[in-house]
Amino acid sequence: MAAPQVISLGCRLNAFEAELIREQGAGLENTVIINSCAVTAEAERQTRQTIRRTRRDNPDARLIVTGCAAQLDPESFGAMPEVDKVLGNREKLDTTAFLKDNKTQSIVVTDIMQATETAAHLIHGFDGRARAFVEIQQGCDHRCTFCIIPFARGPNRSVGLGRIVEQVRTLADRGFREVVLTGVDICSFGASLPGKPKLGDLVRRLLAAVPALPRLRLSSLDPAAIDDSLFDVLASEPRLMPHLHLSVQALDDVILKRMKRRHLYADVERAVARARAARPDVVFGADLIAGFPTETDAQFENTLSGVAALGITHLHVFPYSERPGTPAARMPAVPVAERKSRAHYLRDAGRRALARFMADQVGDTATVLIERDGQGLSEHYAPVHITADTVPGEIVRVALTGTAGSHLVGAPFS
């Protein structure tokens, strides 16, 4: 039977859930499902834009909207003339919910706070992707002042170790060579499980249980909550990729406190130093918000200079975006033009840092997971173009011979 078309916006957890929806939705013919994002106001705007474009491209299809934006504001999405049905984050994991005739499922925003389920089904592939994403936990118990996602995803709860091993083994048996462990707050993995295993415990047990998996990667890590066992496995397990992406958001202590983050600059500095001591070739990425309310020029400069001091290579930068219902939305705002300007400076710093890192890599070797058309990512998450025919999904060992624009150039070893 035909599977529905699923358009997934936003995070890797959404991408994982999109595959669940696609696999479970066999029989939903002539149906398009938009798995929405609400991490910023811009993300919600893009969701509405996607809905309108999708309706224009599919005038006769049944159009269903689900995901975080739908969970938070089902009435407004249900009021859009392009939309046939709205489902929340709990309902989208229930196949039968897609078949009901009512336009707006009975979604109460606070209901998600009582959620207990995580993904109950195994997925067997990823549409058009060389890497697979696997959910290990859902939700978040923290309340950063800028973030609405805990109200869309509910409290922290973890997938069982056995289920994760089974899911990763299934994907490895299907030929996936790299898996990314994902969730809303993966450093909180295990808190809801018997024995309260840590993220590092999961990584060690998973790699031991699935020896056929060559590469394991982690999504965003909270620098305040990286456990000792994760540093240990980083040092001892080469199949854990030497690239850690940190949910930093800022590198000025006053702004971090106003964000209600659990770390200060010194905590990030210690986490980076411990990781480098464990794995000297490790590289770092970071999420950063530019122009958070009350941020002064001097505080922004602390973040900008901190990126250089810490040697962060991969930057994911957002201009601050107000989310109604969050404490930060009531704080004195930085002008929008200034937010965009600061984001530009941070992104430029990130481009220069990545360019320096890639230049330093020339003359070394790398293993590259091919994603498409002779292009892929090295173990350090650097983009590499291969000067030979390749097959998506394979891992190729290359000599790094140079750089070209925003990527490295690699020649395969014969």
Protein backbone atom coordinates (compact mmCIF):
# COMPACT_ATOMS: atom_id res chain seq x y z
CA MET A 1 0.00 0.00 0.00
CA ALA A 2 1.11 3.57 -0.64
CA ALA A 3 2.74 5.47 2.22
CA PRO A 4 1.86 9.09 2.92
CA GLN A 5 4.20 11.89 1.96
CA VAL A 6 5.75 13.28 5.15
CA ILE A 7 7.41 16.70 5.24
CA SER A 8 9.49 17.06 8.41
CA LEU A 9 10.65 20.45 9.65
CA GLY A 10 13.12 21.23 12.41
CA CYS A 11 15.03 18.79 14.57
CA ARG A 12 16.42 15.28 14.19
CA LEU A 13 13.80 13.96 16.59
CA ASN A 14 11.16 15.15 14.14
CA ALA A 15 13.05 13.36 11.35
CA PHE A 16 12.97 10.10 13.33
CA GLU A 17 9.26 10.49 14.03
CA ALA A 18 8.61 11.26 10.37
CA GLU A 19 9.93 7.81 9.49
CA LEU A 20 7.65 6.27 12.12
CA ILE A 21 4.69 8.09 10.61
CA ARG A 22 5.67 7.07 7.08
CA GLU A 23 6.12 3.38 7.94
CA GLN A 24 2.97 3.16 10.04
CA GLY A 25 0.90 5.18 7.59
CA ALA A 26 0.68 2.63 4.79
CA GLY A 27 -2.80 2.99 3.36
CA LEU A 28 -3.02 6.76 3.87
CA GLU A 29 -3.14 7.33 0.15
CA ASN A 30 -3.09 10.84 -1.34
CA THR A 31 -2.13 12.22 2.07
CA VAL A 32 0.55 14.77 2.96
CA ILE A 33 1.61 15.08 6.61
CA ILE A 34 3.58 18.12 7.77
CA ASN A 35 5.56 17.48 10.95
CA SER A 36 5.90 21.04 12.25
CA CYS A 37 8.53 22.89 14.28
CA ALA A 38 8.08 25.59 16.92
CA VAL A 39 11.60 26.16 18.22
CA THR A 40 11.48 29.82 17.07
CA ALA A 41 8.85 32.19 15.74
CA GLU A 42 10.62 31.96 12.39
CA ALA A 43 10.26 28.16 12.46
CA GLU A 44 6.52 28.54 12.99
CA ARG A 45 6.31 31.06 10.15
CA GLN A 46 8.11 28.61 7.88
CA THR A 47 5.64 25.89 8.94
CA ARG A 48 2.72 28.03 7.77
CA GLN A 49 4.56 28.86 4.57
CA THR A 50 5.17 25.14 3.97
CA ILE A 51 1.48 24.38 4.54
CA ARG A 52 0.40 26.94 1.93
CA ARG A 53 2.99 25.80 -0.62
CA THR A 54 2.12 22.15 -0.05
CA ARG A 55 -1.57 22.82 -0.66
CA ARG A 56 -0.76 24.63 -3.91
CA ASP A 57 1.36 21.68 -5.05
CA ASN A 58 -1.17 19.06 -3.88
CA PRO A 59 -4.63 20.58 -4.39
CA ASP A 60 -6.49 17.27 -4.05
CA ALA A 61 -4.50 15.67 -1.22
CA ARG A 62 -5.57 15.30 2.40
CA LEU A 63 -3.25 17.63 4.34
CA ILE A 64 -2.54 16.83 8.00
CA VAL A 65 -0.44 19.03 10.30
CA THR A 66 1.21 17.63 13.42
CA GLY A 67 4.33 18.27 15.53
CA CYS A 68 5.33 20.95 18.02
CA ALA A 69 3.70 23.97 16.37
CA ALA A 70 0.43 22.05 16.03
CA GLN A 71 0.67 20.88 19.64
CA LEU A 72 1.06 24.43 20.92
CA ASP A 73 -1.55 26.15 18.76
CA PRO A 74 -3.95 23.59 17.23
CA GLU A 75 -6.82 26.05 16.81
CA SER A 76 -4.92 28.46 14.57
CA PHE A 77 -3.56 25.67 12.38
CA GLY A 78 -7.01 24.11 12.23
CA ALA A 79 -8.38 27.45 11.06
CA MET A 80 -6.10 27.50 8.02
CA PRO A 81 -8.20 26.70 4.93
CA GLU A 82 -5.40 24.56 3.51
CA VAL A 83 -5.46 22.14 6.47
CA ASP A 84 -7.73 19.10 6.68
CA LYS A 85 -6.65 17.77 10.08
CA VAL A 86 -4.45 18.71 13.07
CA LEU A 87 -2.77 16.22 15.42
CA GLY A 88 -0.61 16.82 18.49
CA ASN A 89 2.71 15.20 19.39
CA ARG A 90 1.05 12.40 21.34
CA GLU A 91 -1.48 11.64 18.63
CA LYS A 92 1.02 11.51 15.76
CA LEU A 93 2.46 8.25 17.12
CA ASP A 94 -1.01 6.65 16.99
CA THR A 95 -1.86 5.38 13.51
CA THR A 96 -5.58 5.35 14.20
CA ALA A 97 -5.60 9.10 14.93
CA PHE A 98 -4.80 9.84 11.28
CA LEU A 99 -7.88 7.94 10.15
CA LYS A 100 -10.48 9.83 12.21
CA ASP A 101 -12.64 12.36 10.40
CA ASN A 102 -12.63 15.28 12.84
CA LYS A 103 -10.50 18.20 11.70
CA THR A 104 -8.90 19.20 14.99
CA GLN A 105 -8.10 16.37 17.36
CA SER A 106 -8.92 17.15 21.00
CA ILE A 107 -5.54 18.66 21.84
CA VAL A 108 -5.08 20.45 25.15
CA VAL A 109 -1.66 22.06 25.44
CA THR A 110 -1.15 20.90 29.03
CA ASP A 111 -2.02 17.28 28.18
CA ILE A 112 1.44 16.70 26.75
CA MET A 113 2.90 17.34 30.21
CA GLN A 114 1.43 14.03 31.32
CA ALA A 115 2.87 12.12 28.36
CA THR A 116 4.62 8.86 29.12
CA GLU A 117 5.08 7.25 25.72
CA THR A 118 8.10 7.32 23.49
CA ALA A 119 8.34 5.65 20.11
CA ALA A 120 6.77 2.21 20.40
CA HIS A 121 7.64 0.92 16.94
CA LEU A 122 10.86 0.11 15.14
CA ILE A 123 11.71 1.89 11.91
CA HIS A 124 13.55 0.11 9.12
CA GLY A 125 15.05 2.91 7.04
CA PHE A 126 15.30 6.62 6.35
CA ASP A 127 13.89 8.08 3.17
CA GLY A 128 16.79 9.42 1.11
CA ARG A 129 19.27 9.58 4.00
CA ALA A 130 22.64 7.89 4.48
CA ARG A 131 22.61 8.43 8.24
CA ALA A 132 19.88 7.21 10.56
CA PHE A 133 18.50 9.06 13.59
CA VAL A 134 17.36 7.11 16.65
CA GLU A 135 15.28 8.52 19.49
CA ILE A 136 16.66 7.76 22.95
CA GLN A 137 14.52 10.14 25.01
CA GLN A 138 11.68 12.64 24.79
CA GLY A 139 10.82 15.88 26.55
CA CYS A 140 12.68 18.15 28.95
CA ASP A 141 12.38 18.95 32.65
CA HIS A 142 14.23 22.28 32.43
CA ARG A 143 12.75 25.71 31.87
CA CYS A 144 15.15 27.91 29.91
CA THR A 145 13.53 31.33 29.67
CA PHE A 146 13.60 31.43 25.84
CA CYS A 147 12.30 27.93 25.17
CA ILE A 148 8.74 26.72 24.49
CA ILE A 149 9.66 23.13 23.59
CA PRO A 150 9.02 21.53 27.02
CA PHE A 151 5.39 22.61 26.64
CA ALA A 152 5.24 20.96 23.22
CA ARG A 153 7.14 17.79 24.11
CA GLY A 154 6.35 17.23 27.76
CA PRO A 155 8.60 15.96 30.57
CA ASN A 156 11.80 13.96 30.19
CA ARG A 157 11.27 10.23 29.60
CA SER A 158 13.68 7.69 28.13
CA VAL A 159 13.45 4.82 25.70
CA GLY A 160 14.53 1.51 27.23
CA LEU A 161 18.07 0.29 26.58
CA GLY A 162 16.85 -2.92 24.97
CA ARG A 163 14.57 -1.05 22.59
CA ILE A 164 17.39 1.28 21.53
CA VAL A 165 19.74 -1.65 20.89
CA GLU A 166 17.03 -3.41 18.87
CA GLN A 167 16.39 -0.27 16.81
CA VAL A 168 20.07 0.38 16.08
CA ARG A 169 20.70 -3.28 15.25
CA THR A 170 17.76 -3.24 12.82
CA LEU A 171 19.18 -0.19 11.03
CA ALA A 172 22.73 -1.60 10.97
CA ASP A 173 21.39 -4.86 9.49
CA ARG A 174 19.70 -2.76 6.80
CA GLY A 175 23.05 -1.27 5.81
CA PHE A 176 23.15 2.02 7.73
CA ARG A 177 26.75 2.78 8.63
CA GLU A 178 26.14 5.72 10.96
CA VAL A 179 23.49 6.31 13.60
CA VAL A 180 22.86 9.59 15.44
CA LEU A 181 21.32 9.33 18.91
CA THR A 182 18.77 12.08 19.30
CA GLY A 183 16.14 13.52 21.63
CA VAL A 184 15.18 16.81 23.23
CA ASP A 185 17.72 16.60 26.10
CA ILE A 186 19.84 13.49 25.59
CA CYS A 187 22.12 14.21 28.57
CA SER A 188 19.05 13.50 30.74
CA PHE A 189 18.78 10.00 29.27
CA GLY A 190 18.11 7.29 31.82
CA ALA A 191 16.57 9.35 34.63
CA SER A 192 13.21 7.63 34.16
CA LEU A 193 14.63 4.11 33.74
CA PRO A 194 15.39 1.45 36.40
CA GLY A 195 18.93 1.90 37.67
CA LYS A 196 19.12 5.36 36.09
CA PRO A 197 21.79 4.58 33.47
CA LYS A 198 23.71 7.53 32.06
CA LEU A 199 24.22 8.51 28.43
CA GLY A 200 27.79 7.19 28.53
CA ASP A 201 26.51 3.83 29.82
CA LEU A 202 24.09 3.66 26.90
CA VAL A 203 26.81 4.45 24.35
CA ARG A 204 29.16 1.78 25.73
CA ARG A 205 26.48 -0.91 25.90
CA LEU A 206 25.07 -0.03 22.50
CA LEU A 207 28.42 -0.24 20.71
CA ALA A 208 29.19 -3.54 22.43
CA ALA A 209 25.79 -4.97 21.48
CA VAL A 210 25.92 -3.83 17.82
CA PRO A 211 29.46 -4.52 16.60
CA ALA A 212 28.29 -4.18 12.97
CA LEU A 213 27.75 -0.42 13.40
CA PRO A 214 30.89 1.47 12.31
CA ARG A 215 29.93 4.98 13.45
CA LEU A 216 27.86 6.44 16.27
CA ARG A 217 27.24 10.14 16.66
CA LEU A 218 25.48 12.21 19.32
CA SER A 219 23.11 15.13 18.88
CA SER A 220 23.25 18.23 21.12
CA LEU A 221 24.75 17.85 24.59
CA ASP A 222 24.11 20.02 27.64
CA PRO A 223 27.60 21.05 28.85
CA ALA A 224 26.34 21.09 32.45
CA ALA A 225 25.25 17.44 32.32
CA ILE A 226 27.83 15.42 30.38
CA ASP A 227 28.48 12.42 32.62
CA ASP A 228 31.87 10.93 33.51
CA SER A 229 31.12 7.70 31.66
CA LEU A 230 30.64 9.60 28.40
CA PHE A 231 34.12 11.13 28.67
CA ASP A 232 35.47 7.62 29.40
CA VAL A 233 33.83 6.07 26.33
CA LEU A 234 34.96 9.00 24.18
CA ALA A 235 38.53 8.10 25.16
CA SER A 236 38.19 4.35 24.61
CA GLU A 237 35.77 3.85 21.71
CA PRO A 238 36.88 5.01 18.24
CA ARG A 239 33.43 4.24 16.78
CA LEU A 240 32.03 7.18 18.78
CA MET A 241 32.70 10.07 16.42
CA PRO A 242 35.06 12.84 17.67
CA HIS A 243 32.53 15.63 17.18
CA LEU A 244 30.49 16.95 20.11
CA HIS A 245 27.77 19.54 19.58
CA LEU A 246 27.12 21.60 22.70
CA SER A 247 23.90 23.39 23.58
CA VAL A 248 25.71 26.51 24.75
CA GLN A 249 23.38 29.40 23.66
CA ALA A 250 25.71 32.11 25.04
CA LEU A 251 29.17 32.49 26.57
CA ASP A 252 28.50 35.45 28.86
CA ASP A 253 27.63 34.52 32.45
CA VAL A 254 25.00 37.22 33.01
CA ILE A 255 23.13 36.27 29.83
CA LEU A 256 23.40 32.58 30.70
CA LYS A 257 21.77 33.28 34.08
CA ARG A 258 18.99 35.28 32.41
CA MET A 259 18.48 32.36 30.04
CA LYS A 260 18.22 30.11 33.11
CA ARG A 261 20.83 27.80 31.69
CA ARG A 262 22.50 25.38 34.07
CA HIS A 263 26.05 26.25 33.05
CA LEU A 264 28.39 29.22 33.08
CA TYR A 265 31.33 29.90 30.77
CA ALA A 266 33.72 28.04 33.09
CA ASP A 267 31.56 24.92 32.88
CA VAL A 268 31.77 24.93 29.08
CA GLU A 269 35.51 25.49 29.32
CA ARG A 270 35.88 22.48 31.65
CA ALA A 271 33.73 20.24 29.45
CA VAL A 272 35.78 21.15 26.37
CA ALA A 273 39.06 20.55 28.22
CA ARG A 274 37.91 17.15 29.54
CA ALA A 275 36.80 16.05 26.11
CA ARG A 276 40.10 17.11 24.54
CA ALA A 277 42.02 15.28 27.26
CA ALA A 278 39.97 12.16 26.50
CA ARG A 279 40.19 12.48 22.70
CA PRO A 280 42.76 15.01 21.49
CA ASP A 281 41.30 15.21 17.97
CA VAL A 282 37.74 16.00 19.10
CA VAL A 283 36.04 19.01 17.52
CA PHE A 284 33.11 21.01 18.85
CA GLY A 285 29.95 22.55 17.54
CA ALA A 286 27.67 24.91 19.44
CA ASP A 287 24.17 26.35 19.34
CA LEU A 288 24.24 30.10 19.95
CA ILE A 289 21.50 32.73 20.29
CA ALA A 290 22.40 36.24 19.09
CA GLY A 291 20.70 39.26 20.62
CA PHE A 292 19.02 37.65 23.61
CA PRO A 293 16.97 40.23 25.56
CA THR A 294 19.12 42.68 27.58
CA GLU A 295 22.34 41.53 25.82
CA THR A 296 24.78 44.43 25.64
CA ASP A 297 27.58 44.92 23.13
CA ALA A 298 30.09 43.83 25.77
CA GLN A 299 28.14 40.69 26.62
CA PHE A 300 27.90 39.79 22.95
CA GLU A 301 31.66 40.30 22.61
CA ASN A 302 32.14 37.79 25.46
CA THR A 303 30.26 35.20 23.40
CA LEU A 304 32.15 36.09 20.22
CA SER A 305 35.54 35.92 21.91
CA GLY A 306 34.55 32.75 23.78
CA VAL A 307 33.98 30.94 20.49
CA ALA A 308 37.60 31.64 19.54
CA ALA A 309 39.01 30.89 22.98
CA LEU A 310 37.28 27.51 23.15
CA GLY A 311 38.18 26.59 19.58
CA ILE A 312 34.60 25.87 18.53
CA THR A 313 34.53 24.83 14.87
CA HIS A 314 30.88 24.31 13.89
CA LEU A 315 28.43 27.08 14.84
CA HIS A 316 24.64 26.88 14.63
CA VAL A 317 23.48 30.47 15.13
CA PHE A 318 19.95 31.81 15.69
CA PRO A 319 18.98 35.47 16.02
CA TYR A 320 16.81 35.60 19.14
CA SER A 321 13.15 35.04 18.32
CA GLU A 322 10.36 35.83 20.81
CA ARG A 323 8.14 32.92 21.80
CA PRO A 324 4.88 34.04 23.42
CA GLY A 325 4.43 32.46 26.83
CA THR A 326 8.14 32.37 27.69
CA PRO A 327 9.76 34.62 30.35
CA ALA A 328 12.31 35.96 27.85
CA ALA A 329 9.53 37.40 25.70
CA ARG A 330 8.74 39.82 28.55
CA MET A 331 12.35 40.99 28.97
CA PRO A 332 13.69 44.23 27.40
CA ALA A 333 14.34 43.36 23.75
CA VAL A 334 17.41 43.95 21.62
CA PRO A 335 16.38 45.61 18.32
CA VAL A 336 15.77 43.07 15.57
CA ALA A 337 18.34 44.68 13.29
CA GLU A 338 20.97 44.34 16.01
CA ARG A 339 20.09 40.66 16.57
CA LYS A 340 20.58 40.01 12.87
CA SER A 341 23.85 41.93 12.84
CA ARG A 342 25.21 39.95 15.80
CA ALA A 343 24.10 36.70 14.18
CA HIS A 344 26.01 37.73 11.05
CA TYR A 345 29.20 38.30 13.08
CA LEU A 346 28.85 34.94 14.82
CA ARG A 347 28.21 33.09 11.56
CA ASP A 348 31.20 34.78 9.98
CA ALA A 349 33.33 33.71 12.94
CA GLY A 350 32.03 30.18 12.48
CA ARG A 351 32.86 30.15 8.76
CA ARG A 352 36.39 31.34 9.48
CA ALA A 353 36.87 28.78 12.27
CA LEU A 354 35.70 25.95 10.02
CA ALA A 355 37.93 27.16 7.19
CA ARG A 356 40.96 27.16 9.53
CA PHE A 357 40.09 23.67 10.75
CA MET A 358 39.74 22.35 7.20
CA ALA A 359 43.02 23.95 6.12
CA ASP A 360 44.74 22.21 9.04
CA GLN A 361 43.26 18.88 7.90
CA VAL A 362 44.90 19.00 4.47
CA GLY A 363 47.57 16.29 4.30
CA ASP A 364 45.78 14.07 6.81
CA THR A 365 43.42 11.18 6.19
CA ALA A 366 39.72 10.89 6.97
CA THR A 367 36.88 8.40 6.76
CA VAL A 368 33.90 9.86 4.92
CA LEU A 369 30.30 8.65 5.00
CA ILE A 370 29.02 9.29 1.48
CA GLU A 371 25.64 11.03 1.52
CA ARG A 372 25.13 11.94 -2.15
CA ASP A 373 26.96 12.59 -5.42
CA GLY A 374 30.47 12.05 -4.08
CA GLN A 375 29.87 14.22 -1.03
CA GLY A 376 29.85 13.27 2.61
CA LEU A 377 30.93 14.03 6.15
CA SER A 378 34.18 13.08 7.84
CA GLU A 379 34.32 11.71 11.36
CA HIS A 380 34.86 15.32 12.46
CA TYR A 381 31.65 16.43 10.71
CA ALA A 382 33.57 18.28 8.02
CA PRO A 383 32.08 18.28 4.49
CA VAL A 384 34.26 16.41 1.98
CA HIS A 385 33.98 16.08 -1.81
CA ILE A 386 35.44 12.84 -3.18
CA THR A 387 37.40 12.82 -6.44
CA ALA A 388 36.07 9.41 -7.54
CA ASP A 389 32.84 7.54 -8.09
CA THR A 390 31.14 6.66 -4.81
CA VAL A 391 27.96 5.02 -3.55
CA PRO A 392 25.72 6.77 -1.00
CA GLY A 393 25.91 5.03 2.36
CA GLU A 394 29.42 3.66 1.99
CA ILE A 395 32.36 4.79 4.12
CA VAL A 396 35.44 5.78 2.14
CA ARG A 397 38.94 6.33 3.51
CA VAL A 398 40.51 9.31 1.79
CA ALA A 399 43.61 11.44 1.70
CA LEU A 400 42.64 15.06 2.22
CA THR A 401 44.33 16.87 -0.64
CA GLY A 402 42.94 20.39 -0.36
CA THR A 403 39.98 22.66 0.20
CA ALA A 404 37.52 24.14 -2.28
CA GLY A 405 35.11 26.75 -1.00
CA SER A 406 33.31 25.40 2.06
CA HIS A 407 34.49 21.79 1.83
CA LEU A 408 37.54 19.55 1.88
CA VAL A 409 38.66 17.54 -1.13
CA GLY A 410 39.48 13.87 -0.62
CA ALA A 411 41.13 11.26 -2.86
CA PRO A 412 40.22 7.65 -2.01
CA PHE A 413 43.00 5.22 -1.22
CA SER A 414 43.20 2.49 -3.83
